[in-house]
């Protein structure tokens, strides 16, 4: 297995109630990535999570986050590198 990168992300905009988490999970699975995402419990304009995998696939996922699913309106995406956690898949979390 090649190098892995792990990134925590925050997606701001119209991202709750538009299927964002489900579409993100599908995209992550399509790219073979691990991690998670969740709606922020107090902010209706924020989805956050972590993603990890090969650098090219993570870069493609982060680029996808800038668009999101059809009904989303992404205002900005923030990201930071974090230590790998070796996720066994990509899950949608209900809370933080």
PDB file of N, CA and C in Angstrom:
ATOM      1  N   UNK A   1       0.846  -1.183   0.000  1.00  0.00           N
ATOM      2  CA  UNK A   1       0.000   0.000   0.000  1.00  0.00           C
ATOM      3  C   UNK A   1       0.886   1.240   0.000  1.00  0.00           C
ATOM      4  N   UNK A   2       0.542   2.227  -0.816  1.00  0.00           N
ATOM      5  CA  UNK A   2       1.339   3.445  -0.952  1.00  0.00           C
ATOM      6  C   UNK A   2       1.095   4.421   0.183  1.00  0.00           C
ATOM      7  N   UNK A   3       1.565   5.639  -0.007  1.00  0.00           N
ATOM      8  CA  UNK A   3       1.401   6.654   1.036  1.00  0.00           C
ATOM      9  C   UNK A   3      -0.074   6.994   1.249  1.00  0.00           C
ATOM     10  N   UNK A   4      -0.395   7.328   2.492  1.00  0.00           N
ATOM     11  CA  UNK A   4      -1.766   7.704   2.844  1.00  0.00           C
ATOM     12  C   UNK A   4      -1.736   9.118   3.402  1.00  0.00           C
ATOM     13  N   UNK A   5      -2.764   9.873   3.111  1.00  0.00           N
ATOM     14  CA  UNK A   5      -2.944  11.173   3.741  1.00  0.00           C
ATOM     15  C   UNK A   5      -4.289  11.169   4.446  1.00  0.00           C
ATOM     16  N   UNK A   6      -4.392  11.968   5.486  1.00  0.00           N
ATOM     17  CA  UNK A   6      -5.627  12.078   6.253  1.00  0.00           C
ATOM     18  C   UNK A   6      -5.922  13.559   6.465  1.00  0.00           C
ATOM     19  N   UNK A   7      -7.157  13.953   6.174  1.00  0.00           N
ATOM     20  CA  UNK A   7      -7.542  15.360   6.211  1.00  0.00           C
ATOM     21  C   UNK A   7      -8.861  15.510   6.954  1.00  0.00           C
ATOM     22  N   UNK A   8      -8.911  16.461   7.882  1.00  0.00           N
ATOM     23  CA  UNK A   8     -10.175  16.870   8.510  1.00  0.00           C
ATOM     24  C   UNK A   8     -10.740  18.000   7.662  1.00  0.00           C
ATOM     25  N   UNK A   9     -12.061  17.988   7.442  1.00  0.00           N
ATOM     26  CA  UNK A   9     -12.660  19.030   6.597  1.00  0.00           C
ATOM     27  C   UNK A   9     -13.926  19.605   7.226  1.00  0.00           C
ATOM     28  N   UNK A  10     -14.188  20.859   6.854  1.00  0.00           N
ATOM     29  CA  UNK A  10     -15.388  21.587   7.250  1.00  0.00           C
ATOM     30  C   UNK A  10     -15.971  22.179   5.983  1.00  0.00           C
ATOM     31  N   UNK A  11     -17.244  21.896   5.705  1.00  0.00           N
ATOM     32  CA  UNK A  11     -17.899  22.405   4.499  1.00  0.00           C
ATOM     33  C   UNK A  11     -19.033  23.328   4.941  1.00  0.00           C
ATOM     34  N   UNK A  12     -18.957  24.596   4.512  1.00  0.00           N
ATOM     35  CA  UNK A  12     -19.933  25.612   4.903  1.00  0.00           C
ATOM     36  C   UNK A  12     -20.838  25.955   3.730  1.00  0.00           C
ATOM     37  N   UNK A  13     -22.093  26.268   4.028  1.00  0.00           N
ATOM     38  CA  UNK A  13     -23.056  26.680   3.011  1.00  0.00           C
ATOM     39  C   UNK A  13     -24.380  25.989   3.224  1.00  0.00           C
ATOM     40  N   UNK A  14     -25.133  25.814   2.133  1.00  0.00           N
ATOM     41  CA  UNK A  14     -26.386  25.054   2.225  1.00  0.00           C
ATOM     42  C   UNK A  14     -26.008  23.595   2.053  1.00  0.00           C
ATOM     43  N   UNK A  15     -25.676  22.955   3.182  1.00  0.00           N
ATOM     44  CA  UNK A  15     -25.126  21.601   3.135  1.00  0.00           C
ATOM     45  C   UNK A  15     -25.880  20.628   4.043  1.00  0.00           C
ATOM     46  N   UNK A  16     -26.881  21.105   4.746  1.00  0.00           N
ATOM     47  CA  UNK A  16     -27.724  20.194   5.525  1.00  0.00           C
ATOM     48  C   UNK A  16     -29.105  20.162   4.887  1.00  0.00           C
ATOM     49  N   UNK A  17     -29.711  18.974   4.900  1.00  0.00           N
ATOM     50  CA  UNK A  17     -31.038  18.814   4.308  1.00  0.00           C
ATOM     51  C   UNK A  17     -31.007  18.675   2.795  1.00  0.00           C
ATOM     52  N   UNK A  18     -29.825  18.471   2.214  1.00  0.00           N
ATOM     53  CA  UNK A  18     -29.715  18.337   0.757  1.00  0.00           C
ATOM     54  C   UNK A  18     -29.034  17.023   0.359  1.00  0.00           C
ATOM     55  N   UNK A  19     -28.915  16.100   1.314  1.00  0.00           N
ATOM     56  CA  UNK A  19     -28.288  14.811   1.032  1.00  0.00           C
ATOM     57  C   UNK A  19     -26.776  14.866   0.945  1.00  0.00           C
ATOM     58  N   UNK A  20     -26.179  15.907   1.528  1.00  0.00           N
ATOM     59  CA  UNK A  20     -24.730  16.101   1.398  1.00  0.00           C
ATOM     60  C   UNK A  20     -23.943  14.931   1.978  1.00  0.00           C
ATOM     61  N   UNK A  21     -24.277  14.516   3.203  1.00  0.00           N
ATOM     62  CA  UNK A  21     -23.513  13.439   3.840  1.00  0.00           C
ATOM     63  C   UNK A  21     -23.597  12.147   3.041  1.00  0.00           C
ATOM     64  N   UNK A  22     -24.789  11.848   2.517  1.00  0.00           N
ATOM     65  CA  UNK A  22     -24.974  10.601   1.772  1.00  0.00           C
ATOM     66  C   UNK A  22     -24.203  10.643   0.452  1.00  0.00           C
ATOM     67  N   UNK A  23     -24.246  11.780  -0.221  1.00  0.00           N
ATOM     68  CA  UNK A  23     -23.511  11.915  -1.476  1.00  0.00           C
ATOM     69  C   UNK A  23     -22.005  11.873  -1.214  1.00  0.00           C
ATOM     70  N   UNK A  24     -21.556  12.492  -0.121  1.00  0.00           N
ATOM     71  CA  UNK A  24     -20.129  12.467   0.222  1.00  0.00           C
ATOM     72  C   UNK A  24     -19.674  11.039   0.505  1.00  0.00           C
ATOM     73  N   UNK A  25     -20.500  10.281   1.209  1.00  0.00           N
ATOM     74  CA  UNK A  25     -20.152   8.891   1.506  1.00  0.00           C
ATOM     75  C   UNK A  25     -20.061   8.077   0.213  1.00  0.00           C
ATOM     76  N   UNK A  26     -20.977   8.301  -0.715  1.00  0.00           N
ATOM     77  CA  UNK A  26     -20.932   7.582  -1.997  1.00  0.00           C
ATOM     78  C   UNK A  26     -19.664   7.936  -2.766  1.00  0.00           C
ATOM     79  N   UNK A  27     -19.319   9.227  -2.783  1.00  0.00           N
ATOM     80  CA  UNK A  27     -18.119   9.662  -3.498  1.00  0.00           C
ATOM     81  C   UNK A  27     -16.867   9.070  -2.848  1.00  0.00           C
ATOM     82  N   UNK A  28     -16.809   9.080  -1.522  1.00  0.00           N
ATOM     83  CA  UNK A  28     -15.653   8.511  -0.821  1.00  0.00           C
ATOM     84  C   UNK A  28     -15.523   7.019  -1.129  1.00  0.00           C
ATOM     85  N   UNK A  29     -16.635   6.313  -1.120  1.00  0.00           N
ATOM     86  CA  UNK A  29     -16.599   4.875  -1.414  1.00  0.00           C
ATOM     87  C   UNK A  29     -16.168   4.636  -2.859  1.00  0.00           C
ATOM     88  N   UNK A  30     -16.657   5.468  -3.773  1.00  0.00           N
ATOM     89  CA  UNK A  30     -16.281   5.337  -5.184  1.00  0.00           C
ATOM     90  C   UNK A  30     -14.772   5.509  -5.351  1.00  0.00           C
ATOM     91  N   UNK A  31     -14.191   6.407  -4.562  1.00  0.00           N
ATOM     92  CA  UNK A  31     -12.757   6.687  -4.641  1.00  0.00           C
ATOM     93  C   UNK A  31     -11.918   5.745  -3.765  1.00  0.00           C
ATOM     94  N   UNK A  32     -12.585   4.867  -3.002  1.00  0.00           N
ATOM     95  CA  UNK A  32     -11.870   3.918  -2.155  1.00  0.00           C
ATOM     96  C   UNK A  32     -11.281   4.536  -0.895  1.00  0.00           C
ATOM     97  N   UNK A  33     -11.946   5.565  -0.365  1.00  0.00           N
ATOM     98  CA  UNK A  33     -11.439   6.294   0.799  1.00  0.00           C
ATOM     99  C   UNK A  33     -12.137   5.878   2.085  1.00  0.00           C
ATOM    100  N   UNK A  34     -11.466   6.090   3.204  1.00  0.00           N
ATOM    101  CA  UNK A  34     -12.053   5.868   4.514  1.00  0.00           C
ATOM    102  C   UNK A  34     -12.327   7.201   5.196  1.00  0.00           C
ATOM    103  N   UNK A  35     -13.120   7.148   6.263  1.00  0.00           N
ATOM    104  CA  UNK A  35     -13.383   8.361   7.037  1.00  0.00           C
ATOM    105  C   UNK A  35     -14.810   8.431   7.514  1.00  0.00           C
ATOM    106  N   UNK A  36     -15.270   9.650   7.714  1.00  0.00           N
ATOM    107  CA  UNK A  36     -16.624   9.881   8.217  1.00  0.00           C
ATOM    108  C   UNK A  36     -17.039  11.309   7.911  1.00  0.00           C
ATOM    109  N   UNK A  37     -18.351  11.578   7.999  1.00  0.00           N
ATOM    110  CA  UNK A  37     -18.854  12.947   7.951  1.00  0.00           C
ATOM    111  C   UNK A  37     -20.111  13.023   8.798  1.00  0.00           C
ATOM    112  N   UNK A  38     -20.410  14.236   9.250  1.00  0.00           N
ATOM    113  CA  UNK A  38     -21.561  14.469  10.128  1.00  0.00           C
ATOM    114  C   UNK A  38     -22.053  15.896   9.953  1.00  0.00           C
ATOM    115  N   UNK A  39     -23.345  16.096  10.198  1.00  0.00           N
ATOM    116  CA  UNK A  39     -23.871  17.452  10.322  1.00  0.00           C
ATOM    117  C   UNK A  39     -23.395  18.019  11.646  1.00  0.00           C
ATOM    118  N   UNK A  40     -23.076  19.312  11.658  1.00  0.00           N
ATOM    119  CA  UNK A  40     -22.772  19.949  12.939  1.00  0.00           C
ATOM    120  C   UNK A  40     -24.081  20.060  13.707  1.00  0.00           C
ATOM    121  N   UNK A  41     -24.102  19.688  14.992  1.00  0.00           N
ATOM    122  CA  UNK A  41     -25.366  19.658  15.733  1.00  0.00           C
ATOM    123  C   UNK A  41     -25.957  21.037  16.012  1.00  0.00           C
ATOM    124  N   UNK A  42     -25.156  22.089  16.002  1.00  0.00           N
ATOM    125  CA  UNK A  42     -25.660  23.420  16.344  1.00  0.00           C
ATOM    126  C   UNK A  42     -25.640  24.394  15.186  1.00  0.00           C
ATOM    127  N   UNK A  43     -24.944  24.061  14.115  1.00  0.00           N
ATOM    128  CA  UNK A  43     -24.844  24.950  12.957  1.00  0.00           C
ATOM    129  C   UNK A  43     -25.462  24.263  11.750  1.00  0.00           C
ATOM    130  N   UNK A  44     -26.533  24.821  11.236  1.00  0.00           N
ATOM    131  CA  UNK A  44     -27.207  24.238  10.086  1.00  0.00           C
ATOM    132  C   UNK A  44     -26.483  24.445   8.772  1.00  0.00           C
ATOM    133  N   UNK A  45     -25.385  25.199   8.812  1.00  0.00           N
ATOM    134  CA  UNK A  45     -24.644  25.493   7.576  1.00  0.00           C
ATOM    135  C   UNK A  45     -23.289  24.800   7.535  1.00  0.00           C
ATOM    136  N   UNK A  46     -23.150  23.685   8.281  1.00  0.00           N
ATOM    137  CA  UNK A  46     -21.829  23.080   8.392  1.00  0.00           C
ATOM    138  C   UNK A  46     -21.900  21.554   8.435  1.00  0.00           C
ATOM    139  N   UNK A  47     -21.130  20.926   7.543  1.00  0.00           N
ATOM    140  CA  UNK A  47     -20.873  19.488   7.580  1.00  0.00           C
ATOM    141  C   UNK A  47     -19.378  19.336   7.797  1.00  0.00           C
ATOM    142  N   UNK A  48     -18.992  18.395   8.649  1.00  0.00           N
ATOM    143  CA  UNK A  48     -17.576  18.191   8.909  1.00  0.00           C
ATOM    144  C   UNK A  48     -17.256  16.714   8.903  1.00  0.00           C
ATOM    145  N   UNK A  49     -15.971  16.412   8.824  1.00  0.00           N
ATOM    146  CA  UNK A  49     -15.565  15.022   8.822  1.00  0.00           C
ATOM    147  C   UNK A  49     -14.081  14.860   8.590  1.00  0.00           C
ATOM    148  N   UNK A  50     -13.707  13.621   8.328  1.00  0.00           N
ATOM    149  CA  UNK A  50     -12.325  13.282   8.015  1.00  0.00           C
ATOM    150  C   UNK A  50     -12.338  12.308   6.848  1.00  0.00           C
ATOM    151  N   UNK A  51     -11.276  12.377   6.060  1.00  0.00           N
ATOM    152  CA  UNK A  51     -11.138  11.472   4.925  1.00  0.00           C
ATOM    153  C   UNK A  51      -9.672  11.069   4.833  1.00  0.00           C
ATOM    154  N   UNK A  52      -9.439   9.812   4.463  1.00  0.00           N
ATOM    155  CA  UNK A  52      -8.052   9.381   4.296  1.00  0.00           C
ATOM    156  C   UNK A  52      -7.933   8.337   3.199  1.00  0.00           C
ATOM    157  N   UNK A  53      -6.744   8.333   2.607  1.00  0.00           N
ATOM    158  CA  UNK A  53      -6.468   7.402   1.532  1.00  0.00           C
ATOM    159  C   UNK A  53      -5.293   7.894   0.721  1.00  0.00           C
ATOM    160  N   UNK A  54      -5.119   7.363  -0.485  1.00  0.00           N
ATOM    161  CA  UNK A  54      -4.030   7.807  -1.355  1.00  0.00           C
ATOM    162  C   UNK A  54      -4.175   9.296  -1.672  1.00  0.00           C
ATOM    163  N   UNK A  55      -3.069  10.021  -1.761  1.00  0.00           N
ATOM    164  CA  UNK A  55      -3.137  11.481  -1.954  1.00  0.00           C
ATOM    165  C   UNK A  55      -3.996  11.924  -3.130  1.00  0.00           C
ATOM    166  N   UNK A  56      -3.906  11.223  -4.271  1.00  0.00           N
ATOM    167  CA  UNK A  56      -4.672  11.648  -5.451  1.00  0.00           C
ATOM    168  C   UNK A  56      -6.170  11.491  -5.214  1.00  0.00           C
ATOM    169  N   UNK A  57      -6.562  10.413  -4.562  1.00  0.00           N
ATOM    170  CA  UNK A  57      -7.987  10.173  -4.303  1.00  0.00           C
ATOM    171  C   UNK A  57      -8.520  11.169  -3.274  1.00  0.00           C
ATOM    172  N   UNK A  58      -7.731  11.474  -2.252  1.00  0.00           N
ATOM    173  CA  UNK A  58      -8.154  12.470  -1.256  1.00  0.00           C
ATOM    174  C   UNK A  58      -8.297  13.828  -1.927  1.00  0.00           C
ATOM    175  N   UNK A  59      -7.367  14.187  -2.796  1.00  0.00           N
ATOM    176  CA  UNK A  59      -7.455  15.463  -3.516  1.00  0.00           C
ATOM    177  C   UNK A  59      -8.726  15.521  -4.361  1.00  0.00           C
ATOM    178  N   UNK A  60      -9.071  14.415  -5.024  1.00  0.00           N
ATOM    179  CA  UNK A  60     -10.294  14.370  -5.832  1.00  0.00           C
ATOM    180  C   UNK A  60     -11.528  14.537  -4.942  1.00  0.00           C
ATOM    181  N   UNK A  61     -11.537  13.904  -3.770  1.00  0.00           N
ATOM    182  CA  UNK A  61     -12.664  14.033  -2.844  1.00  0.00           C
ATOM    183  C   UNK A  61     -12.794  15.468  -2.355  1.00  0.00           C
ATOM    184  N   UNK A  62     -11.677  16.089  -1.980  1.00  0.00           N
ATOM    185  CA  UNK A  62     -11.724  17.470  -1.495  1.00  0.00           C
ATOM    186  C   UNK A  62     -12.226  18.412  -2.588  1.00  0.00           C
ATOM    187  N   UNK A  63     -11.869  18.144  -3.824  1.00  0.00           N
ATOM    188  CA  UNK A  63     -12.379  18.952  -4.943  1.00  0.00           C
ATOM    189  C   UNK A  63     -13.884  18.739  -5.086  1.00  0.00           C
ATOM    190  N   UNK A  64     -14.338  17.492  -4.919  1.00  0.00           N
ATOM    191  CA  UNK A  64     -15.776  17.211  -4.980  1.00  0.00           C
ATOM    192  C   UNK A  64     -16.518  17.985  -3.888  1.00  0.00           C
ATOM    193  N   UNK A  65     -15.923  18.080  -2.686  1.00  0.00           N
ATOM    194  CA  UNK A  65     -16.577  18.793  -1.587  1.00  0.00           C
ATOM    195  C   UNK A  65     -16.879  20.246  -1.946  1.00  0.00           C
ATOM    196  N   UNK A  66     -16.079  20.831  -2.808  1.00  0.00           N
ATOM    197  CA  UNK A  66     -16.295  22.228  -3.193  1.00  0.00           C
ATOM    198  C   UNK A  66     -17.580  22.404  -3.995  1.00  0.00           C
ATOM    199  N   UNK A  67     -18.077  21.331  -4.604  1.00  0.00           N
ATOM    200  CA  UNK A  67     -19.344  21.367  -5.346  1.00  0.00           C
ATOM    201  C   UNK A  67     -20.462  20.729  -4.542  1.00  0.00           C
ATOM    202  N   UNK A  68     -20.204  19.500  -4.074  1.00  0.00           N
ATOM    203  CA  UNK A  68     -21.217  18.741  -3.351  1.00  0.00           C
ATOM    204  C   UNK A  68     -22.303  18.246  -4.281  1.00  0.00           C
ATOM    205  N   UNK A  69     -23.375  17.714  -3.704  1.00  0.00           N
ATOM    206  CA  UNK A  69     -24.489  17.219  -4.529  1.00  0.00           C
ATOM    207  C   UNK A  69     -25.248  18.385  -5.164  1.00  0.00           C
ATOM    208  N   UNK A  70     -26.138  18.045  -6.054  1.00  0.00           N
ATOM    209  CA  UNK A  70     -26.836  19.035  -6.889  1.00  0.00           C
ATOM    210  C   UNK A  70     -27.519  20.147  -6.091  1.00  0.00           C
ATOM    211  N   UNK A  71     -28.198  19.815  -5.007  1.00  0.00           N
ATOM    212  CA  UNK A  71     -28.965  20.829  -4.274  1.00  0.00           C
ATOM    213  C   UNK A  71     -28.133  21.639  -3.281  1.00  0.00           C
ATOM    214  N   UNK A  72     -26.899  21.237  -3.068  1.00  0.00           N
ATOM    215  CA  UNK A  72     -26.039  21.961  -2.115  1.00  0.00           C
ATOM    216  C   UNK A  72     -25.546  23.264  -2.733  1.00  0.00           C
ATOM    217  N   UNK A  73     -25.238  24.216  -1.865  1.00  0.00           N
ATOM    218  CA  UNK A  73     -24.581  25.457  -2.270  1.00  0.00           C
ATOM    219  C   UNK A  73     -23.391  25.646  -1.335  1.00  0.00           C
ATOM    220  N   UNK A  74     -22.239  25.192  -1.767  1.00  0.00           N
ATOM    221  CA  UNK A  74     -21.048  25.247  -0.920  1.00  0.00           C
ATOM    222  C   UNK A  74     -20.452  26.644  -0.988  1.00  0.00           C
ATOM    223  N   UNK A  75     -20.265  27.247   0.197  1.00  0.00           N
ATOM    224  CA  UNK A  75     -19.647  28.574   0.268  1.00  0.00           C
ATOM    225  C   UNK A  75     -18.134  28.469   0.405  1.00  0.00           C
ATOM    226  N   UNK A  76     -17.683  27.562   1.253  1.00  0.00           N
ATOM    227  CA  UNK A  76     -16.239  27.361   1.395  1.00  0.00           C
ATOM    228  C   UNK A  76     -15.959  26.019   2.048  1.00  0.00           C
ATOM    229  N   UNK A  77     -14.739  25.521   1.823  1.00  0.00           N
ATOM    230  CA  UNK A  77     -14.266  24.285   2.430  1.00  0.00           C
ATOM    231  C   UNK A  77     -12.960  24.597   3.136  1.00  0.00           C
ATOM    232  N   UNK A  78     -12.900  24.260   4.413  1.00  0.00           N
ATOM    233  CA  UNK A  78     -11.649  24.385   5.163  1.00  0.00           C
ATOM    234  C   UNK A  78     -11.112  22.989   5.401  1.00  0.00           C
ATOM    235  N   UNK A  79      -9.788  22.875   5.498  1.00  0.00           N
ATOM    236  CA  UNK A  79      -9.180  21.546   5.674  1.00  0.00           C
ATOM    237  C   UNK A  79      -7.900  21.671   6.470  1.00  0.00           C
ATOM    238  N   UNK A  80      -7.544  20.577   7.151  1.00  0.00           N
ATOM    239  CA  UNK A  80      -6.247  20.502   7.818  1.00  0.00           C
ATOM    240  C   UNK A  80      -5.794  19.053   7.844  1.00  0.00           C
ATOM    241  N   UNK A  81      -4.494  18.867   7.734  1.00  0.00           N
ATOM    242  CA  UNK A  81      -3.932  17.521   7.808  1.00  0.00           C
ATOM    243  C   UNK A  81      -4.019  17.018   9.242  1.00  0.00           C
ATOM    244  N   UNK A  82      -4.355  15.758   9.402  1.00  0.00           N
ATOM    245  CA  UNK A  82      -4.423  15.123  10.721  1.00  0.00           C
ATOM    246  C   UNK A  82      -3.709  13.773  10.628  1.00  0.00           C
ATOM    247  N   UNK A  83      -3.333  13.195  11.777  1.00  0.00           N
ATOM    248  CA  UNK A  83      -2.692  11.871  11.738  1.00  0.00           C
ATOM    249  C   UNK A  83      -3.654  10.820  11.189  1.00  0.00           C
ATOM    250  N   UNK A  84      -3.162   9.869  10.404  1.00  0.00           N
ATOM    251  CA  UNK A  84      -4.026   8.801   9.885  1.00  0.00           C
ATOM    252  C   UNK A  84      -4.660   7.997  11.028  1.00  0.00           C
ATOM    253  N   UNK A  85      -5.912   7.612  10.818  1.00  0.00           N
ATOM    254  CA  UNK A  85      -6.625   6.835  11.829  1.00  0.00           C
ATOM    255  C   UNK A  85      -6.952   5.423  11.316  1.00  0.00           C
ATOM    256  N   UNK A  86      -6.634   5.169  10.065  1.00  0.00           N
ATOM    257  CA  UNK A  86      -6.820   3.832   9.475  1.00  0.00           C
ATOM    258  C   UNK A  86      -8.280   3.376   9.547  1.00  0.00           C
ATOM    259  N   UNK A  87      -9.162   4.197   8.999  1.00  0.00           N
ATOM    260  CA  UNK A  87     -10.586   3.866   8.944  1.00  0.00           C
ATOM    261  C   UNK A  87     -10.803   2.639   8.073  1.00  0.00           C
ATOM    262  N   UNK A  88     -11.815   1.850   8.406  1.00  0.00           N
ATOM    263  CA  UNK A  88     -12.104   0.644   7.622  1.00  0.00           C
ATOM    264  C   UNK A  88     -13.217   0.881   6.603  1.00  0.00           C
ATOM    265  N   UNK A  89     -13.659   2.091   6.454  1.00  0.00           N
ATOM    266  CA  UNK A  89     -14.702   2.444   5.497  1.00  0.00           C
ATOM    267  C   UNK A  89     -15.057   3.896   5.716  1.00  0.00           C
ATOM    268  N   UNK A  90     -16.115   4.367   5.046  1.00  0.00           N
ATOM    269  CA  UNK A  90     -16.569   5.750   5.215  1.00  0.00           C
ATOM    270  C   UNK A  90     -17.970   5.708   5.791  1.00  0.00           C
ATOM    271  N   UNK A  91     -18.176   6.377   6.918  1.00  0.00           N
ATOM    272  CA  UNK A  91     -19.481   6.302   7.570  1.00  0.00           C
ATOM    273  C   UNK A  91     -20.080   7.684   7.767  1.00  0.00           C
ATOM    274  N   UNK A  92     -21.401   7.678   7.833  1.00  0.00           N
ATOM    275  CA  UNK A  92     -22.161   8.886   8.164  1.00  0.00           C
ATOM    276  C   UNK A  92     -22.443   8.824   9.654  1.00  0.00           C
ATOM    277  N   UNK A  93     -22.002   9.853  10.351  1.00  0.00           N
ATOM    278  CA  UNK A  93     -22.232   9.900  11.800  1.00  0.00           C
ATOM    279  C   UNK A  93     -23.416  10.812  12.101  1.00  0.00           C
ATOM    280  N   UNK A  94     -24.136  10.443  13.134  1.00  0.00           N
ATOM    281  CA  UNK A  94     -25.308  11.230  13.542  1.00  0.00           C
ATOM    282  C   UNK A  94     -24.933  12.429  14.405  1.00  0.00           C
ATOM    283  N   UNK A  95     -23.811  12.306  15.097  1.00  0.00           N
ATOM    284  CA  UNK A  95     -23.379  13.404  15.961  1.00  0.00           C
ATOM    285  C   UNK A  95     -21.872  13.450  15.994  1.00  0.00           C
ATOM    286  N   UNK A  96     -21.362  14.353  16.771  1.00  0.00           N
ATOM    287  CA  UNK A  96     -19.899  14.505  16.836  1.00  0.00           C
ATOM    288  C   UNK A  96     -19.313  13.638  17.934  1.00  0.00           C
TER     289      UNK A  96
END
